[in-house]
Amino acid sequence: MASFRDHLKEDDQARIDALRAIIRNEDKAIAEREGAMMSAKDALLYEEDSVMKYALAQTKSGFTFHSMVMYANPDIFALAKDLAGVKPQKGCLNIADLAKLDAPAFTEMLRASAAKDFSPVIAHYKRKQKSKA
């Protein structure tokens, strides 16, 4: 799959691939595809039932991991706030240096995220899409 990762240094490519593996291994309900996420035209999107659940993209100052699960669940955000190597915001983690990201803690956060019922978020976005049609 071609994406922003193809333009990264080899070390960062390997780290992005490791994050992709964590995301896919911990949340079996998602499908990965390329797409746009906010200002990032070249992001990796992780969708459940065609609704974006997570996204991974490059930014001007590093990388970002977006999580609708974290946005919708304060307990997941609390886990994110304790992650080393990230600057958490309401629905995303800004990662300046992938080498400093605490991968085991990120894995635990993804495992807890995957265990959450995402169906209310899916229903919300499907209703919004239906009302626009």
N, C-alpha and C. Protein backbone atom coordinates (compact mmCIF):
# COMPACT_ATOMS: atom_id res chain seq x y z
N MET A 1 0.85 -1.18 0.00
CA MET A 1 0.00 0.00 0.00
C MET A 1 0.90 1.23 0.00
N ALA A 2 0.79 2.05 -1.01
CA ALA A 2 1.56 3.28 -1.09
C ALA A 2 0.90 4.34 -0.20
N SER A 3 1.72 5.10 0.49
CA SER A 3 1.20 6.15 1.36
C SER A 3 2.34 7.09 1.72
N PHE A 4 2.07 7.96 2.66
CA PHE A 4 3.09 8.89 3.12
C PHE A 4 4.32 8.14 3.62
N ARG A 5 4.15 6.94 4.10
CA ARG A 5 5.27 6.18 4.67
C ARG A 5 6.35 5.90 3.63
N ASP A 6 5.96 5.85 2.36
CA ASP A 6 6.93 5.55 1.30
C ASP A 6 7.96 6.67 1.12
N HIS A 7 7.67 7.85 1.64
CA HIS A 7 8.57 8.99 1.50
C HIS A 7 9.39 9.24 2.77
N LEU A 8 9.28 8.34 3.74
CA LEU A 8 9.97 8.51 5.02
C LEU A 8 11.35 7.86 4.98
N LYS A 9 12.18 8.28 5.95
CA LYS A 9 13.46 7.60 6.14
C LYS A 9 13.16 6.15 6.54
N GLU A 10 14.10 5.29 6.27
CA GLU A 10 13.92 3.86 6.52
C GLU A 10 13.52 3.55 7.97
N ASP A 11 14.16 4.21 8.93
CA ASP A 11 13.83 3.98 10.35
C ASP A 11 12.38 4.34 10.64
N ASP A 12 11.92 5.49 10.12
CA ASP A 12 10.54 5.91 10.35
C ASP A 12 9.56 5.00 9.61
N GLN A 13 9.94 4.50 8.44
CA GLN A 13 9.08 3.54 7.74
C GLN A 13 8.85 2.31 8.60
N ALA A 14 9.92 1.81 9.19
CA ALA A 14 9.81 0.62 10.04
C ALA A 14 8.94 0.91 11.26
N ARG A 15 9.07 2.10 11.83
CA ARG A 15 8.27 2.45 13.01
C ARG A 15 6.79 2.62 12.65
N ILE A 16 6.52 3.23 11.50
CA ILE A 16 5.13 3.37 11.04
C ILE A 16 4.55 1.98 10.77
N ASP A 17 5.33 1.11 10.15
CA ASP A 17 4.85 -0.25 9.89
C ASP A 17 4.56 -0.98 11.20
N ALA A 18 5.37 -0.74 12.22
CA ALA A 18 5.12 -1.36 13.53
C ALA A 18 3.82 -0.83 14.13
N LEU A 19 3.56 0.48 14.00
CA LEU A 19 2.29 1.04 14.49
C LEU A 19 1.11 0.46 13.73
N ARG A 20 1.25 0.35 12.41
CA ARG A 20 0.18 -0.24 11.58
C ARG A 20 -0.11 -1.66 12.04
N ALA A 21 0.92 -2.41 12.34
CA ALA A 21 0.73 -3.79 12.79
C ALA A 21 0.01 -3.82 14.14
N ILE A 22 0.39 -2.93 15.04
CA ILE A 22 -0.29 -2.87 16.34
C ILE A 22 -1.77 -2.57 16.13
N ILE A 23 -2.06 -1.58 15.32
CA ILE A 23 -3.46 -1.17 15.08
C ILE A 23 -4.25 -2.35 14.52
N ARG A 24 -3.74 -2.98 13.49
CA ARG A 24 -4.46 -4.09 12.83
C ARG A 24 -4.55 -5.32 13.73
N ASN A 25 -3.50 -5.58 14.51
CA ASN A 25 -3.52 -6.77 15.38
C ASN A 25 -4.44 -6.61 16.57
N GLU A 26 -4.52 -5.41 17.10
CA GLU A 26 -5.32 -5.19 18.32
C GLU A 26 -6.79 -4.94 18.02
N ASP A 27 -7.12 -4.44 16.85
CA ASP A 27 -8.52 -4.15 16.53
C ASP A 27 -8.88 -4.89 15.23
N LYS A 28 -9.43 -6.06 15.38
CA LYS A 28 -9.76 -6.92 14.22
C LYS A 28 -11.00 -6.42 13.47
N ALA A 29 -11.72 -5.43 14.01
CA ALA A 29 -12.95 -4.94 13.37
C ALA A 29 -12.68 -3.91 12.28
N ILE A 30 -11.43 -3.49 12.14
CA ILE A 30 -11.13 -2.39 11.22
C ILE A 30 -10.55 -2.87 9.90
N ALA A 31 -10.69 -2.01 8.90
CA ALA A 31 -10.05 -2.21 7.60
C ALA A 31 -9.19 -0.98 7.33
N GLU A 32 -7.99 -1.20 6.81
CA GLU A 32 -7.06 -0.12 6.51
C GLU A 32 -7.22 0.30 5.05
N ARG A 33 -7.22 1.62 4.84
CA ARG A 33 -7.22 2.14 3.46
C ARG A 33 -6.52 3.49 3.46
N GLU A 34 -6.13 3.93 2.27
CA GLU A 34 -5.55 5.26 2.11
C GLU A 34 -6.68 6.28 1.97
N GLY A 35 -6.42 7.50 2.42
CA GLY A 35 -7.42 8.55 2.28
C GLY A 35 -6.93 9.84 2.89
N ALA A 36 -7.81 10.80 2.97
CA ALA A 36 -7.49 12.10 3.55
C ALA A 36 -8.06 12.19 4.96
N MET A 37 -7.31 12.84 5.83
CA MET A 37 -7.75 13.08 7.20
C MET A 37 -7.40 14.52 7.54
N MET A 38 -8.42 15.36 7.63
CA MET A 38 -8.24 16.77 7.89
C MET A 38 -7.29 17.36 6.84
N SER A 39 -6.17 17.95 7.26
CA SER A 39 -5.26 18.57 6.29
C SER A 39 -4.30 17.56 5.65
N ALA A 40 -4.27 16.34 6.15
CA ALA A 40 -3.38 15.31 5.59
C ALA A 40 -4.09 14.61 4.43
N LYS A 41 -3.60 14.86 3.23
CA LYS A 41 -4.22 14.25 2.05
C LYS A 41 -3.77 12.81 1.85
N ASP A 42 -2.73 12.42 2.54
CA ASP A 42 -2.10 11.13 2.35
C ASP A 42 -2.02 10.40 3.69
N ALA A 43 -3.17 9.97 4.21
CA ALA A 43 -3.24 9.33 5.52
C ALA A 43 -3.61 7.86 5.37
N LEU A 44 -3.39 7.12 6.43
CA LEU A 44 -3.88 5.75 6.52
C LEU A 44 -5.10 5.79 7.43
N LEU A 45 -6.22 5.35 6.89
CA LEU A 45 -7.48 5.37 7.63
C LEU A 45 -7.82 3.95 8.05
N TYR A 46 -8.37 3.84 9.25
CA TYR A 46 -8.81 2.56 9.78
C TYR A 46 -10.29 2.70 10.09
N GLU A 47 -11.10 1.95 9.33
CA GLU A 47 -12.54 2.13 9.41
C GLU A 47 -13.21 0.86 9.93
N GLU A 48 -14.29 1.09 10.67
CA GLU A 48 -15.17 0.00 11.08
C GLU A 48 -16.53 0.30 10.45
N ASP A 49 -17.04 -0.63 9.70
CA ASP A 49 -18.33 -0.46 9.02
C ASP A 49 -18.36 0.86 8.23
N SER A 50 -17.27 1.14 7.53
CA SER A 50 -17.11 2.32 6.67
C SER A 50 -17.08 3.65 7.42
N VAL A 51 -16.86 3.61 8.72
CA VAL A 51 -16.74 4.83 9.53
C VAL A 51 -15.32 4.89 10.08
N MET A 52 -14.65 6.04 9.92
CA MET A 52 -13.29 6.20 10.39
C MET A 52 -13.23 6.04 11.91
N LYS A 53 -12.40 5.10 12.33
CA LYS A 53 -12.20 4.84 13.76
C LYS A 53 -10.85 5.39 14.21
N TYR A 54 -9.83 5.18 13.38
CA TYR A 54 -8.48 5.68 13.64
C TYR A 54 -7.91 6.21 12.33
N ALA A 55 -6.88 7.05 12.45
CA ALA A 55 -6.13 7.50 11.28
C ALA A 55 -4.69 7.74 11.71
N LEU A 56 -3.79 7.55 10.80
CA LEU A 56 -2.38 7.76 11.02
C LEU A 56 -1.86 8.61 9.87
N ALA A 57 -1.20 9.72 10.20
CA ALA A 57 -0.75 10.64 9.15
C ALA A 57 0.54 11.35 9.58
N GLN A 58 1.21 11.89 8.58
CA GLN A 58 2.39 12.71 8.83
C GLN A 58 1.94 14.16 8.95
N THR A 59 2.60 14.90 9.84
CA THR A 59 2.33 16.33 10.01
C THR A 59 3.62 17.10 9.77
N LYS A 60 3.54 18.42 9.84
CA LYS A 60 4.74 19.24 9.66
C LYS A 60 5.79 18.96 10.74
N SER A 61 5.31 18.61 11.94
CA SER A 61 6.24 18.43 13.06
C SER A 61 6.39 16.98 13.50
N GLY A 62 5.90 16.04 12.73
CA GLY A 62 6.02 14.63 13.09
C GLY A 62 4.88 13.81 12.52
N PHE A 63 4.13 13.18 13.42
CA PHE A 63 3.05 12.29 13.02
C PHE A 63 1.85 12.50 13.95
N THR A 64 0.70 12.04 13.51
CA THR A 64 -0.49 12.12 14.33
C THR A 64 -1.28 10.82 14.22
N PHE A 65 -1.83 10.42 15.33
CA PHE A 65 -2.72 9.26 15.39
C PHE A 65 -4.06 9.78 15.88
N HIS A 66 -5.09 9.71 15.03
CA HIS A 66 -6.43 10.15 15.40
C HIS A 66 -7.22 8.94 15.88
N SER A 67 -8.05 9.16 16.89
CA SER A 67 -8.86 8.08 17.42
C SER A 67 -10.24 8.60 17.80
N MET A 68 -11.25 8.15 17.08
CA MET A 68 -12.63 8.49 17.44
C MET A 68 -13.02 7.78 18.73
N VAL A 69 -12.39 6.66 19.02
CA VAL A 69 -12.65 5.94 20.27
C VAL A 69 -12.18 6.79 21.44
N MET A 70 -10.99 7.33 21.33
CA MET A 70 -10.44 8.18 22.39
C MET A 70 -11.29 9.44 22.55
N TYR A 71 -11.76 9.99 21.44
CA TYR A 71 -12.59 11.19 21.46
C TYR A 71 -13.90 10.92 22.20
N ALA A 72 -14.46 9.73 22.02
CA ALA A 72 -15.77 9.40 22.58
C ALA A 72 -15.71 8.77 23.98
N ASN A 73 -14.52 8.40 24.44
CA ASN A 73 -14.40 7.68 25.71
C ASN A 73 -13.33 8.30 26.60
N PRO A 74 -13.73 9.01 27.64
CA PRO A 74 -12.76 9.66 28.53
C PRO A 74 -11.74 8.70 29.16
N ASP A 75 -12.13 7.45 29.40
CA ASP A 75 -11.18 6.51 30.00
C ASP A 75 -10.06 6.14 29.02
N ILE A 76 -10.35 6.12 27.73
CA ILE A 76 -9.30 5.87 26.74
C ILE A 76 -8.40 7.10 26.64
N PHE A 77 -9.00 8.29 26.70
CA PHE A 77 -8.20 9.51 26.69
C PHE A 77 -7.27 9.53 27.91
N ALA A 78 -7.75 9.06 29.06
CA ALA A 78 -6.90 9.00 30.26
C ALA A 78 -5.69 8.09 30.03
N LEU A 79 -5.88 6.98 29.33
CA LEU A 79 -4.75 6.11 29.00
C LEU A 79 -3.77 6.84 28.08
N ALA A 80 -4.31 7.58 27.13
CA ALA A 80 -3.48 8.30 26.17
C ALA A 80 -2.65 9.38 26.84
N LYS A 81 -3.22 10.02 27.86
CA LYS A 81 -2.50 11.09 28.56
C LYS A 81 -1.25 10.57 29.24
N ASP A 82 -1.22 9.28 29.57
CA ASP A 82 -0.07 8.68 30.24
C ASP A 82 0.98 8.11 29.30
N LEU A 83 0.71 8.16 27.99
CA LEU A 83 1.65 7.61 27.03
C LEU A 83 2.92 8.48 26.92
N ALA A 84 4.05 7.84 27.01
CA ALA A 84 5.32 8.55 26.81
C ALA A 84 5.52 8.80 25.32
N GLY A 85 6.08 9.94 24.99
CA GLY A 85 6.44 10.25 23.62
C GLY A 85 5.34 10.85 22.79
N VAL A 86 4.22 11.25 23.42
CA VAL A 86 3.12 11.85 22.66
C VAL A 86 2.61 13.10 23.37
N LYS A 87 1.97 13.95 22.59
CA LYS A 87 1.23 15.08 23.13
C LYS A 87 -0.24 14.81 22.81
N PRO A 88 -1.02 14.37 23.81
CA PRO A 88 -2.41 14.05 23.53
C PRO A 88 -3.28 15.31 23.42
N GLN A 89 -4.22 15.25 22.50
CA GLN A 89 -5.27 16.25 22.38
C GLN A 89 -6.58 15.50 22.46
N LYS A 90 -7.69 16.18 22.34
CA LYS A 90 -8.99 15.56 22.56
C LYS A 90 -9.20 14.25 21.79
N GLY A 91 -8.84 14.22 20.54
CA GLY A 91 -9.06 13.02 19.74
C GLY A 91 -7.85 12.55 18.98
N CYS A 92 -6.66 13.04 19.37
CA CYS A 92 -5.46 12.60 18.64
C CYS A 92 -4.24 12.62 19.53
N LEU A 93 -3.24 11.92 19.06
CA LEU A 93 -1.93 11.90 19.70
C LEU A 93 -0.94 12.48 18.71
N ASN A 94 -0.28 13.56 19.09
CA ASN A 94 0.78 14.13 18.26
C ASN A 94 2.09 13.49 18.68
N ILE A 95 2.81 12.97 17.70
CA ILE A 95 4.04 12.22 17.96
C ILE A 95 5.18 12.92 17.23
N ALA A 96 6.03 13.60 17.99
CA ALA A 96 7.14 14.33 17.37
C ALA A 96 8.23 13.37 16.89
N ASP A 97 8.49 12.32 17.66
CA ASP A 97 9.56 11.38 17.35
C ASP A 97 9.04 9.97 17.57
N LEU A 98 8.86 9.21 16.51
CA LEU A 98 8.33 7.85 16.62
C LEU A 98 9.19 6.96 17.50
N ALA A 99 10.48 7.23 17.58
CA ALA A 99 11.38 6.42 18.40
C ALA A 99 11.08 6.57 19.88
N LYS A 100 10.44 7.66 20.27
CA LYS A 100 10.15 7.90 21.69
C LYS A 100 8.77 7.43 22.12
N LEU A 101 7.96 6.94 21.16
CA LEU A 101 6.64 6.45 21.49
C LEU A 101 6.74 5.15 22.28
N ASP A 102 6.01 5.07 23.37
CA ASP A 102 5.97 3.87 24.21
C ASP A 102 5.06 2.84 23.53
N ALA A 103 5.65 1.97 22.72
CA ALA A 103 4.86 1.02 21.92
C ALA A 103 4.04 0.05 22.78
N PRO A 104 4.57 -0.50 23.88
CA PRO A 104 3.74 -1.38 24.71
C PRO A 104 2.51 -0.66 25.30
N ALA A 105 2.68 0.57 25.74
CA ALA A 105 1.55 1.33 26.27
C ALA A 105 0.57 1.69 25.16
N PHE A 106 1.07 2.00 23.96
CA PHE A 106 0.21 2.27 22.82
C PHE A 106 -0.61 1.02 22.49
N THR A 107 0.04 -0.14 22.55
CA THR A 107 -0.66 -1.41 22.30
C THR A 107 -1.78 -1.61 23.31
N GLU A 108 -1.52 -1.33 24.57
CA GLU A 108 -2.56 -1.47 25.60
C GLU A 108 -3.72 -0.51 25.35
N MET A 109 -3.40 0.71 24.93
CA MET A 109 -4.46 1.68 24.62
C MET A 109 -5.31 1.18 23.46
N LEU A 110 -4.66 0.61 22.43
CA LEU A 110 -5.41 0.08 21.28
C LEU A 110 -6.26 -1.10 21.69
N ARG A 111 -5.73 -1.95 22.56
CA ARG A 111 -6.49 -3.12 23.04
C ARG A 111 -7.73 -2.64 23.79
N ALA A 112 -7.58 -1.64 24.63
CA ALA A 112 -8.73 -1.10 25.37
C ALA A 112 -9.70 -0.41 24.41
N SER A 113 -9.18 0.26 23.40
CA SER A 113 -10.03 0.92 22.39
C SER A 113 -10.85 -0.10 21.62
N ALA A 114 -10.22 -1.19 21.21
CA ALA A 114 -10.91 -2.22 20.44
C ALA A 114 -12.03 -2.87 21.24
N ALA A 115 -11.88 -2.89 22.56
CA ALA A 115 -12.90 -3.51 23.42
C ALA A 115 -14.13 -2.63 23.60
N LYS A 116 -14.03 -1.35 23.25
CA LYS A 116 -15.15 -0.42 23.39
C LYS A 116 -16.20 -0.68 22.31
N ASP A 117 -17.45 -0.45 22.65
CA ASP A 117 -18.54 -0.56 21.69
C ASP A 117 -18.52 0.68 20.81
N PHE A 118 -18.18 0.50 19.55
CA PHE A 118 -18.07 1.61 18.61
C PHE A 118 -19.38 1.83 17.85
N SER A 119 -20.36 0.98 18.06
CA SER A 119 -21.60 1.07 17.30
C SER A 119 -22.35 2.40 17.48
N PRO A 120 -22.34 3.05 18.66
CA PRO A 120 -23.01 4.36 18.73
C PRO A 120 -22.37 5.41 17.82
N VAL A 121 -21.07 5.38 17.67
CA VAL A 121 -20.38 6.32 16.78
C VAL A 121 -20.74 5.99 15.33
N ILE A 122 -20.75 4.72 14.99
CA ILE A 122 -21.12 4.31 13.63
C ILE A 122 -22.53 4.78 13.33
N ALA A 123 -23.46 4.53 14.25
CA ALA A 123 -24.87 4.92 14.05
C ALA A 123 -24.99 6.43 13.87
N HIS A 124 -24.25 7.19 14.66
CA HIS A 124 -24.27 8.65 14.57
C HIS A 124 -23.86 9.11 13.16
N TYR A 125 -22.73 8.59 12.67
CA TYR A 125 -22.25 9.02 11.35
C TYR A 125 -23.12 8.51 10.22
N LYS A 126 -23.68 7.34 10.36
CA LYS A 126 -24.58 6.83 9.33
C LYS A 126 -25.86 7.69 9.27
N ARG A 127 -26.38 8.14 10.43
CA ARG A 127 -27.54 9.04 10.45
C ARG A 127 -27.21 10.36 9.77
N LYS A 128 -26.01 10.89 10.05
CA LYS A 128 -25.60 12.15 9.42
C LYS A 128 -25.52 12.00 7.91
N GLN A 129 -24.96 10.89 7.44
CA GLN A 129 -24.86 10.65 6.00
C GLN A 129 -26.24 10.53 5.37
N LYS A 130 -27.14 9.84 6.05
CA LYS A 130 -28.49 9.65 5.54
C LYS A 130 -29.24 10.97 5.44
N SER A 131 -29.06 11.84 6.42
CA SER A 131 -29.77 13.14 6.41
C SER A 131 -29.24 14.06 5.32
N LYS A 132 -27.99 13.86 4.90
CA LYS A 132 -27.41 14.67 3.81
C LYS A 132 -27.91 14.21 2.45
N ALA A 133 -28.33 12.96 2.36
CA ALA A 133 -28.76 12.40 1.06
C ALA A 133 -30.14 12.87 0.63
